PDB file of N, CA and C in Angstrom:
ATOM      1  N   UNK A   1      25.021   5.709  21.046  1.00  0.00           N
ATOM      2  CA  UNK A   1      24.640   7.021  21.491  1.00  0.00           C
ATOM      3  C   UNK A   1      25.023   8.025  20.418  1.00  0.00           C
ATOM      4  N   UNK A   2      24.088   8.809  20.020  1.00  0.00           N
ATOM      5  CA  UNK A   2      24.349   9.901  19.100  1.00  0.00           C
ATOM      6  C   UNK A   2      24.517  11.189  19.887  1.00  0.00           C
ATOM      7  N   UNK A   3      25.310  12.083  19.364  1.00  0.00           N
ATOM      8  CA  UNK A   3      25.553  13.364  20.024  1.00  0.00           C
ATOM      9  C   UNK A   3      25.357  14.491  19.023  1.00  0.00           C
ATOM     10  N   UNK A   4      24.661  15.531  19.459  1.00  0.00           N
ATOM     11  CA  UNK A   4      24.406  16.686  18.608  1.00  0.00           C
ATOM     12  C   UNK A   4      24.666  17.945  19.415  1.00  0.00           C
ATOM     13  N   UNK A   5      25.741  18.635  19.064  1.00  0.00           N
ATOM     14  CA  UNK A   5      26.160  19.853  19.753  1.00  0.00           C
ATOM     15  C   UNK A   5      26.783  20.773  18.705  1.00  0.00           C
ATOM     16  N   UNK A   6      25.957  21.379  17.834  1.00  0.00           N
ATOM     17  CA  UNK A   6      26.481  22.129  16.687  1.00  0.00           C
ATOM     18  C   UNK A   6      27.379  23.309  17.031  1.00  0.00           C
ATOM     19  N   UNK A   7      27.365  23.752  18.262  1.00  0.00           N
ATOM     20  CA  UNK A   7      28.202  24.882  18.672  1.00  0.00           C
ATOM     21  C   UNK A   7      29.503  24.434  19.332  1.00  0.00           C
ATOM     22  N   UNK A   8      29.746  23.137  19.427  1.00  0.00           N
ATOM     23  CA  UNK A   8      30.950  22.650  20.102  1.00  0.00           C
ATOM     24  C   UNK A   8      32.194  23.185  19.404  1.00  0.00           C
ATOM     25  N   UNK A   9      33.164  23.629  20.186  1.00  0.00           N
ATOM     26  CA  UNK A   9      34.388  24.176  19.595  1.00  0.00           C
ATOM     27  C   UNK A   9      35.220  23.110  18.886  1.00  0.00           C
ATOM     28  N   UNK A  10      34.999  21.840  19.213  1.00  0.00           N
ATOM     29  CA  UNK A  10      35.698  20.737  18.550  1.00  0.00           C
ATOM     30  C   UNK A  10      34.778  20.193  17.458  1.00  0.00           C
ATOM     31  N   UNK A  11      35.163  20.372  16.220  1.00  0.00           N
ATOM     32  CA  UNK A  11      34.310  20.005  15.087  1.00  0.00           C
ATOM     33  C   UNK A  11      33.860  18.541  15.134  1.00  0.00           C
ATOM     34  N   UNK A  12      34.725  17.659  15.610  1.00  0.00           N
ATOM     35  CA  UNK A  12      34.396  16.232  15.653  1.00  0.00           C
ATOM     36  C   UNK A  12      33.271  15.913  16.626  1.00  0.00           C
ATOM     37  N   UNK A  13      32.921  16.850  17.502  1.00  0.00           N
ATOM     38  CA  UNK A  13      31.874  16.603  18.498  1.00  0.00           C
ATOM     39  C   UNK A  13      30.567  17.332  18.181  1.00  0.00           C
ATOM     40  N   UNK A  14      30.430  17.868  16.988  1.00  0.00           N
ATOM     41  CA  UNK A  14      29.222  18.632  16.662  1.00  0.00           C
ATOM     42  C   UNK A  14      28.041  17.762  16.275  1.00  0.00           C
ATOM     43  N   UNK A  15      28.290  16.656  15.598  1.00  0.00           N
ATOM     44  CA  UNK A  15      27.214  15.722  15.231  1.00  0.00           C
ATOM     45  C   UNK A  15      27.856  14.380  14.938  1.00  0.00           C
ATOM     46  N   UNK A  16      27.423  13.364  15.650  1.00  0.00           N
ATOM     47  CA  UNK A  16      27.999  12.069  15.352  1.00  0.00           C
ATOM     48  C   UNK A  16      27.650  10.987  16.342  1.00  0.00           C
ATOM     49  N   UNK A  17      28.435   9.950  16.276  1.00  0.00           N
ATOM     50  CA  UNK A  17      28.243   8.779  17.106  1.00  0.00           C
ATOM     51  C   UNK A  17      29.201   8.877  18.280  1.00  0.00           C
ATOM     52  N   UNK A  18      28.646   8.877  19.465  1.00  0.00           N
ATOM     53  CA  UNK A  18      29.465   8.964  20.661  1.00  0.00           C
ATOM     54  C   UNK A  18      30.007   7.588  21.013  1.00  0.00           C
ATOM     55  N   UNK A  19      29.130   6.604  21.054  1.00  0.00           N
ATOM     56  CA  UNK A  19      29.527   5.208  21.281  1.00  0.00           C
ATOM     57  C   UNK A  19      28.514   4.298  20.618  1.00  0.00           C
ATOM     58  N   UNK A  20      29.014   3.201  20.084  1.00  0.00           N
ATOM     59  CA  UNK A  20      28.158   2.185  19.473  1.00  0.00           C
ATOM     60  C   UNK A  20      28.693   0.828  19.897  1.00  0.00           C
ATOM     61  N   UNK A  21      27.924   0.125  20.687  1.00  0.00           N
ATOM     62  CA  UNK A  21      28.336  -1.191  21.179  1.00  0.00           C
ATOM     63  C   UNK A  21      27.288  -2.225  20.794  1.00  0.00           C
ATOM     64  N   UNK A  22      27.709  -3.219  20.065  1.00  0.00           N
ATOM     65  CA  UNK A  22      26.851  -4.331  19.677  1.00  0.00           C
ATOM     66  C   UNK A  22      27.504  -5.599  20.227  1.00  0.00           C
ATOM     67  N   UNK A  23      26.739  -6.388  20.959  1.00  0.00           N
ATOM     68  CA  UNK A  23      27.273  -7.625  21.533  1.00  0.00           C
ATOM     69  C   UNK A  23      27.869  -8.496  20.437  1.00  0.00           C
ATOM     70  N   UNK A  24      28.965  -9.148  20.750  1.00  0.00           N
ATOM     71  CA  UNK A  24      29.697  -9.952  19.764  1.00  0.00           C
ATOM     72  C   UNK A  24      28.780 -10.929  19.023  1.00  0.00           C
ATOM     73  N   UNK A  25      27.902 -11.595  19.728  1.00  0.00           N
ATOM     74  CA  UNK A  25      27.021 -12.574  19.102  1.00  0.00           C
ATOM     75  C   UNK A  25      25.936 -11.976  18.231  1.00  0.00           C
ATOM     76  N   UNK A  26      25.740 -10.674  18.326  1.00  0.00           N
ATOM     77  CA  UNK A  26      24.704  -9.993  17.541  1.00  0.00           C
ATOM     78  C   UNK A  26      25.288  -9.198  16.372  1.00  0.00           C
ATOM     79  N   UNK A  27      26.612  -9.127  16.284  1.00  0.00           N
ATOM     80  CA  UNK A  27      27.231  -8.378  15.191  1.00  0.00           C
ATOM     81  C   UNK A  27      26.971  -9.073  13.867  1.00  0.00           C
ATOM     82  N   UNK A  28      26.885  -8.280  12.809  1.00  0.00           N
ATOM     83  CA  UNK A  28      26.643  -8.829  11.479  1.00  0.00           C
ATOM     84  C   UNK A  28      25.177  -9.005  11.157  1.00  0.00           C
ATOM     85  N   UNK A  29      24.298  -8.512  12.014  1.00  0.00           N
ATOM     86  CA  UNK A  29      22.858  -8.653  11.799  1.00  0.00           C
ATOM     87  C   UNK A  29      22.184  -7.348  11.388  1.00  0.00           C
ATOM     88  N   UNK A  30      22.965  -6.293  11.217  1.00  0.00           N
ATOM     89  CA  UNK A  30      22.411  -5.031  10.744  1.00  0.00           C
ATOM     90  C   UNK A  30      22.073  -4.018  11.821  1.00  0.00           C
ATOM     91  N   UNK A  31      22.261  -4.372  13.090  1.00  0.00           N
ATOM     92  CA  UNK A  31      21.933  -3.438  14.167  1.00  0.00           C
ATOM     93  C   UNK A  31      22.830  -2.210  14.145  1.00  0.00           C
ATOM     94  N   UNK A  32      24.107  -2.402  13.924  1.00  0.00           N
ATOM     95  CA  UNK A  32      25.038  -1.281  13.874  1.00  0.00           C
ATOM     96  C   UNK A  32      24.752  -0.367  12.705  1.00  0.00           C
ATOM     97  N   UNK A  33      24.516  -0.950  11.548  1.00  0.00           N
ATOM     98  CA  UNK A  33      24.173  -0.158  10.351  1.00  0.00           C
ATOM     99  C   UNK A  33      22.911   0.660  10.621  1.00  0.00           C
ATOM    100  N   UNK A  34      21.916   0.018  11.214  1.00  0.00           N
ATOM    101  CA  UNK A  34      20.667   0.703  11.535  1.00  0.00           C
ATOM    102  C   UNK A  34      20.932   1.898  12.447  1.00  0.00           C
ATOM    103  N   UNK A  35      21.752   1.706  13.469  1.00  0.00           N
ATOM    104  CA  UNK A  35      22.058   2.786  14.411  1.00  0.00           C
ATOM    105  C   UNK A  35      22.777   3.941  13.723  1.00  0.00           C
ATOM    106  N   UNK A  36      23.757   3.618  12.887  1.00  0.00           N
ATOM    107  CA  UNK A  36      24.488   4.675  12.169  1.00  0.00           C
ATOM    108  C   UNK A  36      23.540   5.429  11.241  1.00  0.00           C
ATOM    109  N   UNK A  37      22.684   4.716  10.527  1.00  0.00           N
ATOM    110  CA  UNK A  37      21.736   5.376   9.621  1.00  0.00           C
ATOM    111  C   UNK A  37      20.757   6.258  10.388  1.00  0.00           C
ATOM    112  N   UNK A  38      20.354   5.836  11.585  1.00  0.00           N
ATOM    113  CA  UNK A  38      19.446   6.647  12.400  1.00  0.00           C
ATOM    114  C   UNK A  38      20.121   7.946  12.854  1.00  0.00           C
ATOM    115  N   UNK A  39      21.378   7.849  13.272  1.00  0.00           N
ATOM    116  CA  UNK A  39      22.110   9.056  13.670  1.00  0.00           C
ATOM    117  C   UNK A  39      22.296   9.968  12.458  1.00  0.00           C
ATOM    118  N   UNK A  40      22.617   9.406  11.317  1.00  0.00           N
ATOM    119  CA  UNK A  40      22.791  10.210  10.098  1.00  0.00           C
ATOM    120  C   UNK A  40      21.490  10.921   9.724  1.00  0.00           C
ATOM    121  N   UNK A  41      20.385  10.232   9.814  1.00  0.00           N
ATOM    122  CA  UNK A  41      19.090  10.838   9.479  1.00  0.00           C
ATOM    123  C   UNK A  41      18.754  11.977  10.439  1.00  0.00           C
ATOM    124  N   UNK A  42      19.015  11.773  11.718  1.00  0.00           N
ATOM    125  CA  UNK A  42      18.750  12.842  12.692  1.00  0.00           C
ATOM    126  C   UNK A  42      19.672  14.030  12.442  1.00  0.00           C
ATOM    127  N   UNK A  43      20.918  13.774  12.095  1.00  0.00           N
ATOM    128  CA  UNK A  43      21.844  14.868  11.782  1.00  0.00           C
ATOM    129  C   UNK A  43      21.343  15.654  10.568  1.00  0.00           C
ATOM    130  N   UNK A  44      20.885  14.959   9.539  1.00  0.00           N
ATOM    131  CA  UNK A  44      20.322  15.643   8.359  1.00  0.00           C
ATOM    132  C   UNK A  44      19.144  16.515   8.774  1.00  0.00           C
ATOM    133  N   UNK A  45      18.258  15.938   9.593  1.00  0.00           N
ATOM    134  CA  UNK A  45      17.077  16.667  10.042  1.00  0.00           C
ATOM    135  C   UNK A  45      17.474  17.946  10.784  1.00  0.00           C
ATOM    136  N   UNK A  46      18.604  17.891  11.469  1.00  0.00           N
ATOM    137  CA  UNK A  46      19.097  19.046  12.220  1.00  0.00           C
ATOM    138  C   UNK A  46      19.959  19.972  11.363  1.00  0.00           C
ATOM    139  N   UNK A  47      20.044  19.703  10.075  1.00  0.00           N
ATOM    140  CA  UNK A  47      20.781  20.575   9.166  1.00  0.00           C
ATOM    141  C   UNK A  47      22.272  20.338   9.098  1.00  0.00           C
ATOM    142  N   UNK A  48      22.752  19.211   9.611  1.00  0.00           N
ATOM    143  CA  UNK A  48      24.174  18.902   9.574  1.00  0.00           C
ATOM    144  C   UNK A  48      24.552  18.258   8.237  1.00  0.00           C
ATOM    145  N   UNK A  49      25.768  18.474   7.805  1.00  0.00           N
ATOM    146  CA  UNK A  49      26.221  17.920   6.520  1.00  0.00           C
ATOM    147  C   UNK A  49      27.202  16.759   6.696  1.00  0.00           C
ATOM    148  N   UNK A  50      27.543  16.437   7.948  1.00  0.00           N
ATOM    149  CA  UNK A  50      28.433  15.309   8.197  1.00  0.00           C
ATOM    150  C   UNK A  50      28.219  14.797   9.616  1.00  0.00           C
ATOM    151  N   UNK A  51      28.601  13.542   9.809  1.00  0.00           N
ATOM    152  CA  UNK A  51      28.668  12.989  11.156  1.00  0.00           C
ATOM    153  C   UNK A  51      30.066  12.425  11.353  1.00  0.00           C
ATOM    154  N   UNK A  52      30.452  12.318  12.596  1.00  0.00           N
ATOM    155  CA  UNK A  52      31.779  11.807  12.915  1.00  0.00           C
ATOM    156  C   UNK A  52      31.666  10.653  13.901  1.00  0.00           C
ATOM    157  N   UNK A  53      32.745   9.921  13.993  1.00  0.00           N
ATOM    158  CA  UNK A  53      32.883   8.842  14.964  1.00  0.00           C
ATOM    159  C   UNK A  53      34.364   8.706  15.288  1.00  0.00           C
ATOM    160  N   UNK A  54      34.660   8.244  16.494  1.00  0.00           N
ATOM    161  CA  UNK A  54      36.043   7.987  16.889  1.00  0.00           C
ATOM    162  C   UNK A  54      36.215   6.504  17.127  1.00  0.00           C
ATOM    163  N   UNK A  55      37.383   5.971  16.729  1.00  0.00           N
ATOM    164  CA  UNK A  55      37.660   4.561  16.995  1.00  0.00           C
ATOM    165  C   UNK A  55      39.143   4.362  17.245  1.00  0.00           C
ATOM    166  N   UNK A  56      39.437   3.262  17.923  1.00  0.00           N
ATOM    167  CA  UNK A  56      40.818   2.861  18.166  1.00  0.00           C
ATOM    168  C   UNK A  56      41.175   1.809  17.127  1.00  0.00           C
ATOM    169  N   UNK A  57      42.295   2.015  16.459  1.00  0.00           N
ATOM    170  CA  UNK A  57      42.753   1.034  15.473  1.00  0.00           C
ATOM    171  C   UNK A  57      43.264  -0.211  16.174  1.00  0.00           C
ATOM    172  N   UNK A  58      43.116  -1.346  15.504  1.00  0.00           N
ATOM    173  CA  UNK A  58      43.661  -2.574  16.062  1.00  0.00           C
ATOM    174  C   UNK A  58      42.807  -3.768  15.707  1.00  0.00           C
ATOM    175  N   UNK A  59      43.375  -4.935  15.925  1.00  0.00           N
ATOM    176  CA  UNK A  59      42.662  -6.179  15.662  1.00  0.00           C
ATOM    177  C   UNK A  59      41.374  -6.226  16.461  1.00  0.00           C
ATOM    178  N   UNK A  60      40.311  -6.627  15.806  1.00  0.00           N
ATOM    179  CA  UNK A  60      39.024  -6.750  16.474  1.00  0.00           C
ATOM    180  C   UNK A  60      38.311  -5.432  16.681  1.00  0.00           C
ATOM    181  N   UNK A  61      38.902  -4.341  16.210  1.00  0.00           N
ATOM    182  CA  UNK A  61      38.289  -3.023  16.369  1.00  0.00           C
ATOM    183  C   UNK A  61      37.247  -2.745  15.299  1.00  0.00           C
ATOM    184  N   UNK A  62      36.560  -1.624  15.417  1.00  0.00           N
ATOM    185  CA  UNK A  62      35.461  -1.300  14.510  1.00  0.00           C
ATOM    186  C   UNK A  62      35.850  -0.574  13.226  1.00  0.00           C
ATOM    187  N   UNK A  63      37.142  -0.404  12.982  1.00  0.00           N
ATOM    188  CA  UNK A  63      37.558   0.394  11.828  1.00  0.00           C
ATOM    189  C   UNK A  63      36.956  -0.125  10.518  1.00  0.00           C
ATOM    190  N   UNK A  64      37.025  -1.408  10.265  1.00  0.00           N
ATOM    191  CA  UNK A  64      36.479  -1.970   9.028  1.00  0.00           C
ATOM    192  C   UNK A  64      34.991  -1.731   8.886  1.00  0.00           C
ATOM    193  N   UNK A  65      34.274  -1.817   9.994  1.00  0.00           N
ATOM    194  CA  UNK A  65      32.837  -1.558   9.987  1.00  0.00           C
ATOM    195  C   UNK A  65      32.560  -0.129   9.534  1.00  0.00           C
ATOM    196  N   UNK A  66      33.233   0.835  10.169  1.00  0.00           N
ATOM    197  CA  UNK A  66      32.986   2.231   9.823  1.00  0.00           C
ATOM    198  C   UNK A  66      33.446   2.566   8.408  1.00  0.00           C
ATOM    199  N   UNK A  67      34.581   2.053   7.992  1.00  0.00           N
ATOM    200  CA  UNK A  67      35.046   2.293   6.619  1.00  0.00           C
ATOM    201  C   UNK A  67      34.069   1.698   5.624  1.00  0.00           C
ATOM    202  N   UNK A  68      33.527   0.535   5.928  1.00  0.00           N
ATOM    203  CA  UNK A  68      32.547  -0.109   5.057  1.00  0.00           C
ATOM    204  C   UNK A  68      31.256   0.680   4.912  1.00  0.00           C
ATOM    205  N   UNK A  69      30.950   1.495   5.903  1.00  0.00           N
ATOM    206  CA  UNK A  69      29.753   2.339   5.830  1.00  0.00           C
ATOM    207  C   UNK A  69      30.033   3.672   5.141  1.00  0.00           C
ATOM    208  N   UNK A  70      31.286   3.894   4.762  1.00  0.00           N
ATOM    209  CA  UNK A  70      31.620   5.119   4.036  1.00  0.00           C
ATOM    210  C   UNK A  70      32.340   6.179   4.840  1.00  0.00           C
ATOM    211  N   UNK A  71      32.623   5.912   6.112  1.00  0.00           N
ATOM    212  CA  UNK A  71      33.396   6.873   6.895  1.00  0.00           C
ATOM    213  C   UNK A  71      34.820   6.901   6.366  1.00  0.00           C
ATOM    214  N   UNK A  72      35.444   8.058   6.411  1.00  0.00           N
ATOM    215  CA  UNK A  72      36.845   8.192   6.024  1.00  0.00           C
ATOM    216  C   UNK A  72      37.600   8.880   7.156  1.00  0.00           C
ATOM    217  N   UNK A  73      38.812   8.437   7.443  1.00  0.00           N
ATOM    218  CA  UNK A  73      39.612   9.110   8.472  1.00  0.00           C
ATOM    219  C   UNK A  73      39.905  10.546   8.045  1.00  0.00           C
ATOM    220  N   UNK A  74      39.806  11.466   8.989  1.00  0.00           N
ATOM    221  CA  UNK A  74      40.070  12.875   8.694  1.00  0.00           C
ATOM    222  C   UNK A  74      41.554  13.201   8.786  1.00  0.00           C
ATOM    223  N   UNK A  75      42.338  12.300   9.371  1.00  0.00           N
ATOM    224  CA  UNK A  75      43.746  12.574   9.632  1.00  0.00           C
ATOM    225  C   UNK A  75      43.962  13.125  11.028  1.00  0.00           C
ATOM    226  N   UNK A  76      42.886  13.404  11.719  1.00  0.00           N
ATOM    227  CA  UNK A  76      42.933  13.924  13.081  1.00  0.00           C
ATOM    228  C   UNK A  76      42.781  12.762  14.068  1.00  0.00           C
ATOM    229  N   UNK A  77      43.385  12.914  15.225  1.00  0.00           N
ATOM    230  CA  UNK A  77      43.181  11.978  16.330  1.00  0.00           C
ATOM    231  C   UNK A  77      42.841  12.778  17.569  1.00  0.00           C
ATOM    232  N   UNK A  78      41.974  12.201  18.383  1.00  0.00           N
ATOM    233  CA  UNK A  78      41.605  12.805  19.660  1.00  0.00           C
ATOM    234  C   UNK A  78      41.802  11.737  20.722  1.00  0.00           C
ATOM    235  N   UNK A  79      42.672  12.009  21.664  1.00  0.00           N
ATOM    236  CA  UNK A  79      42.926  11.051  22.730  1.00  0.00           C
ATOM    237  C   UNK A  79      43.390   9.698  22.221  1.00  0.00           C
ATOM    238  N   UNK A  80      44.136   9.684  21.124  1.00  0.00           N
ATOM    239  CA  UNK A  80      44.631   8.433  20.558  1.00  0.00           C
ATOM    240  C   UNK A  80      43.625   7.700  19.691  1.00  0.00           C
ATOM    241  N   UNK A  81      42.450   8.276  19.505  1.00  0.00           N
ATOM    242  CA  UNK A  81      41.435   7.655  18.663  1.00  0.00           C
ATOM    243  C   UNK A  81      41.360   8.358  17.306  1.00  0.00           C
ATOM    244  N   UNK A  82      41.140   7.571  16.272  1.00  0.00           N
ATOM    245  CA  UNK A  82      40.989   8.080  14.908  1.00  0.00           C
ATOM    246  C   UNK A  82      39.642   8.796  14.797  1.00  0.00           C
ATOM    247  N   UNK A  83      39.634   9.950  14.152  1.00  0.00           N
ATOM    248  CA  UNK A  83      38.383  10.642  13.856  1.00  0.00           C
ATOM    249  C   UNK A  83      37.991  10.277  12.431  1.00  0.00           C
ATOM    250  N   UNK A  84      36.805   9.720  12.271  1.00  0.00           N
ATOM    251  CA  UNK A  84      36.272   9.411  10.948  1.00  0.00           C
ATOM    252  C   UNK A  84      35.063  10.272  10.685  1.00  0.00           C
ATOM    253  N   UNK A  85      34.856  10.598   9.419  1.00  0.00           N
ATOM    254  CA  UNK A  85      33.689  11.410   9.060  1.00  0.00           C
ATOM    255  C   UNK A  85      32.931  10.772   7.918  1.00  0.00           C
ATOM    256  N   UNK A  86      31.640  11.021   7.906  1.00  0.00           N
ATOM    257  CA  UNK A  86      30.767  10.574   6.837  1.00  0.00           C
ATOM    258  C   UNK A  86      30.019  11.802   6.345  1.00  0.00           C
ATOM    259  N   UNK A  87      30.225  12.159   5.085  1.00  0.00           N
ATOM    260  CA  UNK A  87      29.523  13.278   4.492  1.00  0.00           C
ATOM    261  C   UNK A  87      28.114  12.826   4.162  1.00  0.00           C
ATOM    262  N   UNK A  88      27.148  13.639   4.571  1.00  0.00           N
ATOM    263  CA  UNK A  88      25.755  13.292   4.377  1.00  0.00           C
ATOM    264  C   UNK A  88      25.220  13.932   3.115  1.00  0.00           C
ATOM    265  N   UNK A  89      24.578  13.135   2.305  1.00  0.00           N
ATOM    266  CA  UNK A  89      23.927  13.675   1.117  1.00  0.00           C
ATOM    267  C   UNK A  89      22.584  14.240   1.540  1.00  0.00           C
ATOM    268  N   UNK A  90      22.109  15.188   0.777  1.00  0.00           N
ATOM    269  CA  UNK A  90      20.782  15.744   1.067  1.00  0.00           C
ATOM    270  C   UNK A  90      19.736  14.667   0.872  1.00  0.00           C
ATOM    271  N   UNK A  91      18.734  14.683   1.696  1.00  0.00           N
ATOM    272  CA  UNK A  91      17.663  13.694   1.590  1.00  0.00           C
ATOM    273  C   UNK A  91      16.826  13.983   0.354  1.00  0.00           C
ATOM    274  N   UNK A  92      16.564  12.934  -0.405  1.00  0.00           N
ATOM    275  CA  UNK A  92      15.742  13.092  -1.606  1.00  0.00           C
ATOM    276  C   UNK A  92      14.329  13.480  -1.217  1.00  0.00           C
ATOM    277  N   UNK A  93      13.751  14.406  -1.963  1.00  0.00           N
ATOM    278  CA  UNK A  93      12.387  14.867  -1.677  1.00  0.00           C
ATOM    279  C   UNK A  93      11.343  13.942  -2.232  1.00  0.00           C
TER     280      UNK A  93
END
């Protein structure tokens, strides 16, 4: 689920991934990457310069996936979850 609320008082909730769930047997097939890229493209289309995602650290968690896609932790946590951000480059014309 992607979320777009550019006026949200919490910066981490203005544009990003709300939840991304891929069944264990389907992971590693590119579905998650596709979903993240789709949210990023929609954010660009809406004039956003970054997207965010929240995750819980721990074994079996999605941290490695998001870091591998270029997200970086902001140093902020919300409800015990790490806030990660991905800076979006301008789309080539």
